[in-house]
Amino acid sequence: MEITSTSAINTAVEGLRKAQTDLEKTAQNVAEGSLDPADIVSLSLAATSFKANAAVIRTENENTQALLDITA
């Protein structure tokens, strides 16, 4: 299976969207007064997921720039 730049970025963007959705749901729970420790874990997981997916996009951008520099 070949992974292309576009598919890596698309996958990362979908991951960002999922992290945002999870964060919004959990934030709503907390705003409603939830004291469930799982909500705190969910907030942490959403933050970690967001950072990881942003890093994929950043790395892909750096790799693309390096390839353009090589071919220039």
C-alpha atoms as a PDB file:
ATOM      1  CA  MET A   1       0.000   0.000   0.000  1.00  0.00           C
ATOM      2  CA  GLU A   2       1.395   3.353  -1.037  1.00  0.00           C
ATOM      3  CA  ILE A   3       0.953   6.363   1.217  1.00  0.00           C
ATOM      4  CA  THR A   4       0.977   9.648  -0.611  1.00  0.00           C
ATOM      5  CA  SER A   5       1.376  13.161   0.671  1.00  0.00           C
ATOM      6  CA  THR A   6      -2.277  13.876   0.018  1.00  0.00           C
ATOM      7  CA  SER A   7      -3.517  10.787   1.848  1.00  0.00           C
ATOM      8  CA  ALA A   8      -1.284  11.499   4.849  1.00  0.00           C
ATOM      9  CA  ILE A   9      -2.585  15.043   5.092  1.00  0.00           C
ATOM     10  CA  ASN A  10      -6.193  13.949   4.560  1.00  0.00           C
ATOM     11  CA  THR A  11      -5.871  11.352   7.297  1.00  0.00           C
ATOM     12  CA  ALA A  12      -4.338  13.923   9.642  1.00  0.00           C
ATOM     13  CA  VAL A  13      -7.122  16.415   8.893  1.00  0.00           C
ATOM     14  CA  GLU A  14      -9.729  13.764   9.677  1.00  0.00           C
ATOM     15  CA  GLY A  15      -7.875  13.079  12.925  1.00  0.00           C
ATOM     16  CA  LEU A  16      -7.989  16.789  13.758  1.00  0.00           C
ATOM     17  CA  ARG A  17     -11.723  16.859  13.104  1.00  0.00           C
ATOM     18  CA  LYS A  18     -12.307  13.815  15.309  1.00  0.00           C
ATOM     19  CA  ALA A  19     -10.221  15.325  18.109  1.00  0.00           C
ATOM     20  CA  GLN A  20     -12.236  18.543  17.848  1.00  0.00           C
ATOM     21  CA  THR A  21     -15.529  16.640  17.954  1.00  0.00           C
ATOM     22  CA  ASP A  22     -14.403  14.602  20.969  1.00  0.00           C
ATOM     23  CA  LEU A  23     -13.194  17.752  22.703  1.00  0.00           C
ATOM     24  CA  GLU A  24     -16.506  19.539  22.112  1.00  0.00           C
ATOM     25  CA  LYS A  25     -18.536  16.600  23.453  1.00  0.00           C
ATOM     26  CA  THR A  26     -16.361  16.272  26.538  1.00  0.00           C
ATOM     27  CA  ALA A  27     -16.315  20.018  27.154  1.00  0.00           C
ATOM     28  CA  GLN A  28     -20.107  19.985  27.060  1.00  0.00           C
ATOM     29  CA  ASN A  29     -20.161  17.206  29.656  1.00  0.00           C
ATOM     30  CA  VAL A  30     -17.837  19.172  31.923  1.00  0.00           C
ATOM     31  CA  ALA A  31     -19.858  22.374  31.407  1.00  0.00           C
ATOM     32  CA  GLU A  32     -22.963  20.473  32.512  1.00  0.00           C
ATOM     33  CA  GLY A  33     -21.244  19.557  35.760  1.00  0.00           C
ATOM     34  CA  SER A  34     -19.889  16.086  35.005  1.00  0.00           C
ATOM     35  CA  LEU A  35     -17.382  14.882  37.568  1.00  0.00           C
ATOM     36  CA  ASP A  36     -16.544  11.726  35.624  1.00  0.00           C
ATOM     37  CA  PRO A  37     -12.777  11.141  35.566  1.00  0.00           C
ATOM     38  CA  ALA A  38     -13.195   9.670  32.078  1.00  0.00           C
ATOM     39  CA  ASP A  39     -13.978  13.189  30.860  1.00  0.00           C
ATOM     40  CA  ILE A  40     -10.578  14.402  32.022  1.00  0.00           C
ATOM     41  CA  VAL A  41      -8.950  11.469  30.240  1.00  0.00           C
ATOM     42  CA  SER A  42     -10.953  12.279  27.097  1.00  0.00           C
ATOM     43  CA  LEU A  43      -9.784  15.894  27.205  1.00  0.00           C
ATOM     44  CA  SER A  44      -6.191  14.749  27.486  1.00  0.00           C
ATOM     45  CA  LEU A  45      -6.589  12.233  24.655  1.00  0.00           C
ATOM     46  CA  ALA A  46      -8.165  14.845  22.402  1.00  0.00           C
ATOM     47  CA  ALA A  47      -5.285  17.240  23.067  1.00  0.00           C
ATOM     48  CA  THR A  48      -2.698  14.546  22.370  1.00  0.00           C
ATOM     49  CA  SER A  49      -4.497  13.475  19.205  1.00  0.00           C
ATOM     50  CA  PHE A  50      -4.685  17.055  17.988  1.00  0.00           C
ATOM     51  CA  LYS A  51      -0.950  17.569  18.586  1.00  0.00           C
ATOM     52  CA  ALA A  52      -0.041  14.293  16.862  1.00  0.00           C
ATOM     53  CA  ASN A  53      -2.146  15.029  13.786  1.00  0.00           C
ATOM     54  CA  ALA A  54      -0.804  18.574  13.575  1.00  0.00           C
ATOM     55  CA  ALA A  55       2.714  17.109  13.703  1.00  0.00           C
ATOM     56  CA  VAL A  56       1.898  14.828  10.754  1.00  0.00           C
ATOM     57  CA  ILE A  57       0.814  17.826   8.695  1.00  0.00           C
ATOM     58  CA  ARG A  58       3.864  19.842   9.750  1.00  0.00           C
ATOM     59  CA  THR A  59       6.226  16.966   8.926  1.00  0.00           C
ATOM     60  CA  GLU A  60       4.595  16.383   5.554  1.00  0.00           C
ATOM     61  CA  ASN A  61       4.970  20.066   4.781  1.00  0.00           C
ATOM     62  CA  GLU A  62       8.653  19.969   5.750  1.00  0.00           C
ATOM     63  CA  ASN A  63       9.233  16.877   3.605  1.00  0.00           C
ATOM     64  CA  THR A  64       7.515  18.463   0.623  1.00  0.00           C
ATOM     65  CA  GLN A  65       9.597  21.614   1.055  1.00  0.00           C
ATOM     66  CA  ALA A  66      12.788  19.533   1.230  1.00  0.00           C
ATOM     67  CA  LEU A  67      11.844  17.727  -1.988  1.00  0.00           C
ATOM     68  CA  LEU A  68      11.156  21.032  -3.709  1.00  0.00           C
ATOM     69  CA  ASP A  69      14.522  22.350  -2.529  1.00  0.00           C
ATOM     70  CA  ILE A  70      16.266  19.272  -3.911  1.00  0.00           C
ATOM     71  CA  THR A  71      14.601  19.561  -7.300  1.00  0.00           C
ATOM     72  CA  ALA A  72      15.157  23.327  -7.565  1.00  0.00           C
END
